[in-house]
Amino acid sequence: MEGLFDSVESDEVVLSAQDAMFSFANHPLVHFFENKELSGRFMPSNILQASLYTALKEFPLLLGHIRDGPGGLAKVAIDKHDLNMPEFVESESSIHYQSLKDGQFEWST
């Protein structure tokens, strides 16, 4: 998270009608990574989390809040004192990765 807060500037970005159409859908993102080499140091949490913050530095629009904008359009308001920080969650499961892969991941799996 080092440098993230210092790099973000407050801003407002008015969305196009097409952008706004997709901005109110909430899509959970779930990523699965296969440890093909069976490495004991596979995907260290600190490196994954650091890469998230690096991406947010490059694309701070993801840290904004959707608000009503001019002319009925939506806008993304980025307030450096009230960032919309994503939640970083890492977990383990008793379901083997191969089962998820074979089932092409379904939420019910």
N, C-alpha and C. Protein backbone atom coordinates (compact mmCIF):
# COMPACT_ATOMS: atom_id res chain seq x y z
N MET A 1 0.83 -1.19 0.00
CA MET A 1 0.00 0.00 0.00
C MET A 1 0.88 1.25 0.00
N GLU A 2 2.17 0.99 0.09
CA GLU A 2 3.12 2.09 0.16
C GLU A 2 3.01 2.99 -1.07
N GLY A 3 2.81 4.28 -0.82
CA GLY A 3 2.74 5.25 -1.89
C GLY A 3 1.39 5.39 -2.56
N LEU A 4 0.45 4.49 -2.28
CA LEU A 4 -0.86 4.56 -2.93
C LEU A 4 -1.57 5.85 -2.57
N PHE A 5 -1.69 6.13 -1.29
CA PHE A 5 -2.45 7.31 -0.86
C PHE A 5 -1.81 8.60 -1.31
N ASP A 6 -0.49 8.63 -1.38
CA ASP A 6 0.21 9.83 -1.84
C ASP A 6 0.06 10.04 -3.34
N SER A 7 -0.19 8.96 -4.07
CA SER A 7 -0.25 9.06 -5.53
C SER A 7 -1.63 9.46 -6.05
N VAL A 8 -2.67 9.32 -5.22
CA VAL A 8 -4.04 9.59 -5.68
C VAL A 8 -4.38 11.06 -5.50
N GLU A 9 -4.94 11.63 -6.55
CA GLU A 9 -5.43 13.01 -6.50
C GLU A 9 -6.95 12.99 -6.60
N SER A 10 -7.61 13.87 -5.87
CA SER A 10 -9.06 13.98 -5.97
C SER A 10 -9.42 14.42 -7.38
N ASP A 11 -10.49 13.85 -7.92
CA ASP A 11 -10.89 14.14 -9.29
C ASP A 11 -12.33 13.67 -9.49
N GLU A 12 -12.95 14.13 -10.54
CA GLU A 12 -14.26 13.65 -10.95
C GLU A 12 -14.20 13.32 -12.43
N VAL A 13 -14.76 12.16 -12.79
CA VAL A 13 -14.76 11.72 -14.18
C VAL A 13 -16.21 11.44 -14.56
N VAL A 14 -16.73 12.22 -15.51
CA VAL A 14 -18.10 12.00 -15.98
C VAL A 14 -18.08 10.81 -16.93
N LEU A 15 -18.99 9.88 -16.69
CA LEU A 15 -19.05 8.67 -17.51
C LEU A 15 -19.92 8.90 -18.74
N SER A 16 -19.58 8.25 -19.81
CA SER A 16 -20.45 8.29 -21.00
C SER A 16 -21.70 7.48 -20.67
N ALA A 17 -22.71 7.61 -21.50
CA ALA A 17 -23.94 6.85 -21.29
C ALA A 17 -23.65 5.35 -21.30
N GLN A 18 -22.77 4.91 -22.19
CA GLN A 18 -22.43 3.49 -22.26
C GLN A 18 -21.67 3.04 -21.01
N ASP A 19 -20.72 3.85 -20.55
CA ASP A 19 -20.00 3.50 -19.32
C ASP A 19 -20.95 3.42 -18.14
N ALA A 20 -21.85 4.38 -18.06
CA ALA A 20 -22.78 4.44 -16.93
C ALA A 20 -23.70 3.22 -16.91
N MET A 21 -24.04 2.71 -18.08
CA MET A 21 -24.94 1.57 -18.17
C MET A 21 -24.36 0.37 -17.42
N PHE A 22 -23.05 0.20 -17.46
CA PHE A 22 -22.41 -0.95 -16.83
C PHE A 22 -21.86 -0.64 -15.44
N SER A 23 -21.92 0.60 -15.00
CA SER A 23 -21.27 0.98 -13.76
C SER A 23 -22.07 0.62 -12.51
N PHE A 24 -23.34 0.28 -12.66
CA PHE A 24 -24.14 0.00 -11.48
C PHE A 24 -24.32 -1.49 -11.24
N ALA A 25 -23.65 -2.30 -12.01
CA ALA A 25 -23.69 -3.74 -11.79
C ALA A 25 -22.54 -4.10 -10.86
N ASN A 26 -22.82 -4.93 -9.89
CA ASN A 26 -21.79 -5.36 -8.96
C ASN A 26 -21.40 -6.78 -9.32
N HIS A 27 -20.19 -6.94 -9.79
CA HIS A 27 -19.70 -8.25 -10.21
C HIS A 27 -18.59 -8.70 -9.28
N PRO A 28 -18.85 -9.73 -8.50
CA PRO A 28 -17.76 -10.22 -7.65
C PRO A 28 -16.68 -10.87 -8.52
N LEU A 29 -15.46 -10.65 -8.15
CA LEU A 29 -14.35 -11.24 -8.87
C LEU A 29 -13.71 -12.31 -8.01
N VAL A 30 -13.59 -13.48 -8.55
CA VAL A 30 -12.94 -14.58 -7.86
C VAL A 30 -11.86 -15.11 -8.79
N HIS A 31 -10.64 -15.19 -8.28
CA HIS A 31 -9.53 -15.67 -9.09
C HIS A 31 -8.97 -16.94 -8.45
N PHE A 32 -8.69 -17.92 -9.29
CA PHE A 32 -8.07 -19.15 -8.84
C PHE A 32 -6.74 -19.29 -9.58
N PHE A 33 -5.72 -19.71 -8.86
CA PHE A 33 -4.41 -19.87 -9.45
C PHE A 33 -3.91 -21.29 -9.15
N GLU A 34 -3.45 -21.97 -10.18
CA GLU A 34 -2.99 -23.34 -10.03
C GLU A 34 -1.49 -23.36 -9.75
N ASN A 35 -1.11 -24.09 -8.75
CA ASN A 35 0.29 -24.25 -8.37
C ASN A 35 0.86 -25.44 -9.15
N LYS A 36 1.16 -25.23 -10.41
CA LYS A 36 1.62 -26.33 -11.28
C LYS A 36 2.96 -26.90 -10.86
N GLU A 37 3.82 -26.07 -10.28
CA GLU A 37 5.16 -26.53 -9.87
C GLU A 37 5.16 -27.07 -8.45
N LEU A 38 4.02 -27.03 -7.77
CA LEU A 38 3.90 -27.48 -6.38
C LEU A 38 4.89 -26.76 -5.46
N SER A 39 5.06 -25.48 -5.72
CA SER A 39 5.99 -24.66 -4.96
C SER A 39 5.43 -24.34 -3.57
N GLY A 40 6.30 -24.39 -2.57
CA GLY A 40 5.91 -24.02 -1.21
C GLY A 40 5.71 -22.52 -1.05
N ARG A 41 6.30 -21.73 -1.93
CA ARG A 41 6.17 -20.26 -1.88
C ARG A 41 5.30 -19.79 -3.04
N PHE A 42 4.23 -20.49 -3.32
CA PHE A 42 3.35 -20.16 -4.42
C PHE A 42 2.45 -18.99 -4.05
N MET A 43 2.46 -17.95 -4.87
CA MET A 43 1.59 -16.78 -4.71
C MET A 43 1.59 -16.20 -3.29
N PRO A 44 2.71 -15.71 -2.82
CA PRO A 44 2.75 -15.11 -1.49
C PRO A 44 1.76 -13.94 -1.37
N SER A 45 1.03 -13.91 -0.28
CA SER A 45 0.00 -12.88 -0.08
C SER A 45 0.54 -11.47 -0.22
N ASN A 46 1.72 -11.22 0.33
CA ASN A 46 2.26 -9.86 0.29
C ASN A 46 2.53 -9.41 -1.15
N ILE A 47 2.93 -10.33 -2.01
CA ILE A 47 3.19 -9.97 -3.41
C ILE A 47 1.87 -9.75 -4.16
N LEU A 48 0.88 -10.59 -3.91
CA LEU A 48 -0.44 -10.39 -4.53
C LEU A 48 -1.05 -9.06 -4.12
N GLN A 49 -0.98 -8.77 -2.83
CA GLN A 49 -1.55 -7.52 -2.34
C GLN A 49 -0.79 -6.32 -2.88
N ALA A 50 0.52 -6.40 -2.95
CA ALA A 50 1.31 -5.30 -3.51
C ALA A 50 0.97 -5.06 -4.97
N SER A 51 0.70 -6.13 -5.73
CA SER A 51 0.35 -5.96 -7.14
C SER A 51 -1.02 -5.29 -7.29
N LEU A 52 -1.94 -5.58 -6.37
CA LEU A 52 -3.24 -4.89 -6.38
C LEU A 52 -3.04 -3.39 -6.18
N TYR A 53 -2.25 -3.02 -5.20
CA TYR A 53 -2.03 -1.59 -4.93
C TYR A 53 -1.27 -0.91 -6.06
N THR A 54 -0.38 -1.62 -6.71
CA THR A 54 0.32 -1.06 -7.88
C THR A 54 -0.69 -0.77 -8.99
N ALA A 55 -1.61 -1.71 -9.23
CA ALA A 55 -2.64 -1.50 -10.25
C ALA A 55 -3.54 -0.32 -9.89
N LEU A 56 -3.88 -0.17 -8.62
CA LEU A 56 -4.73 0.95 -8.19
C LEU A 56 -4.03 2.30 -8.36
N LYS A 57 -2.72 2.32 -8.17
CA LYS A 57 -1.95 3.55 -8.41
C LYS A 57 -2.06 3.96 -9.88
N GLU A 58 -2.02 2.98 -10.77
CA GLU A 58 -2.07 3.23 -12.21
C GLU A 58 -3.49 3.52 -12.70
N PHE A 59 -4.50 3.05 -11.97
CA PHE A 59 -5.88 3.22 -12.41
C PHE A 59 -6.74 3.63 -11.21
N PRO A 60 -6.53 4.85 -10.69
CA PRO A 60 -7.23 5.30 -9.48
C PRO A 60 -8.74 5.47 -9.65
N LEU A 61 -9.22 5.40 -10.88
CA LEU A 61 -10.67 5.46 -11.11
C LEU A 61 -11.38 4.37 -10.31
N LEU A 62 -10.70 3.24 -10.09
CA LEU A 62 -11.27 2.14 -9.33
C LEU A 62 -11.45 2.47 -7.85
N LEU A 63 -10.85 3.56 -7.39
CA LEU A 63 -10.95 3.97 -5.99
C LEU A 63 -12.06 4.99 -5.75
N GLY A 64 -12.78 5.33 -6.81
CA GLY A 64 -13.82 6.35 -6.70
C GLY A 64 -15.18 5.79 -6.34
N HIS A 65 -16.10 6.71 -6.09
CA HIS A 65 -17.49 6.38 -5.79
C HIS A 65 -18.35 6.87 -6.95
N ILE A 66 -19.32 6.07 -7.36
CA ILE A 66 -20.24 6.49 -8.43
C ILE A 66 -21.27 7.45 -7.83
N ARG A 67 -21.42 8.59 -8.47
CA ARG A 67 -22.35 9.63 -8.02
C ARG A 67 -23.16 10.12 -9.21
N ASP A 68 -24.22 10.88 -8.92
CA ASP A 68 -24.98 11.53 -9.98
C ASP A 68 -24.13 12.64 -10.56
N GLY A 69 -24.10 12.71 -11.89
CA GLY A 69 -23.31 13.73 -12.57
C GLY A 69 -24.20 14.68 -13.35
N PRO A 70 -23.61 15.50 -14.18
CA PRO A 70 -24.38 16.49 -14.94
C PRO A 70 -25.23 15.83 -16.03
N GLY A 71 -26.37 16.42 -16.28
CA GLY A 71 -27.22 15.97 -17.38
C GLY A 71 -27.74 14.55 -17.24
N GLY A 72 -27.87 14.09 -16.01
CA GLY A 72 -28.38 12.74 -15.79
C GLY A 72 -27.35 11.64 -15.96
N LEU A 73 -26.13 12.01 -16.29
CA LEU A 73 -25.08 11.00 -16.42
C LEU A 73 -24.48 10.71 -15.05
N ALA A 74 -23.80 9.60 -14.95
CA ALA A 74 -23.11 9.26 -13.71
C ALA A 74 -21.68 9.79 -13.79
N LYS A 75 -21.08 9.94 -12.64
CA LYS A 75 -19.66 10.32 -12.58
C LYS A 75 -18.99 9.48 -11.51
N VAL A 76 -17.69 9.36 -11.63
CA VAL A 76 -16.88 8.72 -10.60
C VAL A 76 -16.16 9.83 -9.85
N ALA A 77 -16.46 9.93 -8.56
CA ALA A 77 -15.83 10.94 -7.72
C ALA A 77 -14.71 10.27 -6.93
N ILE A 78 -13.49 10.72 -7.19
CA ILE A 78 -12.32 10.20 -6.47
C ILE A 78 -11.95 11.23 -5.42
N ASP A 79 -12.13 10.87 -4.16
CA ASP A 79 -11.81 11.77 -3.04
C ASP A 79 -10.65 11.14 -2.28
N LYS A 80 -9.49 11.76 -2.36
CA LYS A 80 -8.29 11.16 -1.76
C LYS A 80 -8.43 10.95 -0.25
N HIS A 81 -9.43 11.62 0.38
CA HIS A 81 -9.66 11.46 1.82
C HIS A 81 -10.77 10.46 2.11
N ASP A 82 -11.42 9.94 1.06
CA ASP A 82 -12.50 8.96 1.22
C ASP A 82 -12.46 7.99 0.04
N LEU A 83 -11.39 7.21 -0.02
CA LEU A 83 -11.22 6.28 -1.13
C LEU A 83 -12.11 5.06 -0.96
N ASN A 84 -12.58 4.54 -2.07
CA ASN A 84 -13.40 3.34 -2.11
C ASN A 84 -12.46 2.15 -2.26
N MET A 85 -11.80 1.79 -1.16
CA MET A 85 -10.78 0.76 -1.19
C MET A 85 -11.40 -0.63 -1.35
N PRO A 86 -10.87 -1.41 -2.30
CA PRO A 86 -11.35 -2.79 -2.44
C PRO A 86 -10.87 -3.63 -1.26
N GLU A 87 -11.57 -4.71 -1.05
CA GLU A 87 -11.19 -5.62 0.03
C GLU A 87 -10.32 -6.73 -0.55
N PHE A 88 -9.19 -6.96 0.05
CA PHE A 88 -8.30 -8.04 -0.36
C PHE A 88 -8.55 -9.21 0.58
N VAL A 89 -9.06 -10.30 0.04
CA VAL A 89 -9.38 -11.48 0.84
C VAL A 89 -8.71 -12.69 0.22
N GLU A 90 -8.04 -13.44 1.03
CA GLU A 90 -7.41 -14.67 0.57
C GLU A 90 -7.93 -15.79 1.47
N SER A 91 -8.28 -16.91 0.85
CA SER A 91 -8.81 -18.01 1.65
C SER A 91 -8.37 -19.34 1.05
N GLU A 92 -8.57 -20.37 1.83
CA GLU A 92 -8.30 -21.73 1.40
C GLU A 92 -9.61 -22.50 1.46
N SER A 93 -9.67 -23.58 0.72
CA SER A 93 -10.89 -24.37 0.65
C SER A 93 -10.56 -25.85 0.77
N SER A 94 -11.54 -26.60 1.21
CA SER A 94 -11.36 -28.05 1.26
C SER A 94 -11.65 -28.68 -0.10
N ILE A 95 -12.15 -27.88 -1.04
CA ILE A 95 -12.41 -28.37 -2.38
C ILE A 95 -11.10 -28.35 -3.17
N HIS A 96 -10.75 -29.44 -3.75
CA HIS A 96 -9.49 -29.53 -4.49
C HIS A 96 -9.59 -28.68 -5.77
N TYR A 97 -8.48 -28.07 -6.13
CA TYR A 97 -8.45 -27.22 -7.32
C TYR A 97 -8.91 -27.98 -8.57
N GLN A 98 -8.55 -29.24 -8.68
CA GLN A 98 -8.92 -30.02 -9.86
C GLN A 98 -10.44 -30.12 -10.00
N SER A 99 -11.16 -30.19 -8.88
CA SER A 99 -12.63 -30.23 -8.94
C SER A 99 -13.19 -28.93 -9.52
N LEU A 100 -12.61 -27.81 -9.12
CA LEU A 100 -13.04 -26.52 -9.67
C LEU A 100 -12.73 -26.44 -11.16
N LYS A 101 -11.57 -26.91 -11.51
CA LYS A 101 -11.13 -26.88 -12.91
C LYS A 101 -12.03 -27.78 -13.76
N ASP A 102 -12.31 -28.99 -13.29
CA ASP A 102 -13.17 -29.92 -14.03
C ASP A 102 -14.59 -29.37 -14.18
N GLY A 103 -15.08 -28.70 -13.14
CA GLY A 103 -16.44 -28.16 -13.17
C GLY A 103 -16.51 -26.79 -13.84
N GLN A 104 -15.38 -26.29 -14.33
CA GLN A 104 -15.29 -24.97 -14.97
C GLN A 104 -15.86 -23.90 -14.04
N PHE A 105 -15.61 -24.02 -12.79
CA PHE A 105 -16.05 -23.18 -11.68
C PHE A 105 -17.48 -22.69 -11.81
N GLU A 106 -18.29 -23.20 -10.98
CA GLU A 106 -19.66 -22.74 -10.80
C GLU A 106 -19.77 -22.30 -9.35
N TRP A 107 -20.53 -21.25 -9.08
CA TRP A 107 -20.66 -20.75 -7.71
C TRP A 107 -21.16 -21.85 -6.78
N SER A 108 -21.93 -22.78 -7.30
CA SER A 108 -22.48 -23.84 -6.45
C SER A 108 -21.47 -24.94 -6.13
N THR A 109 -20.33 -24.92 -6.81
CA THR A 109 -19.30 -25.97 -6.60
C THR A 109 -18.74 -25.89 -5.20
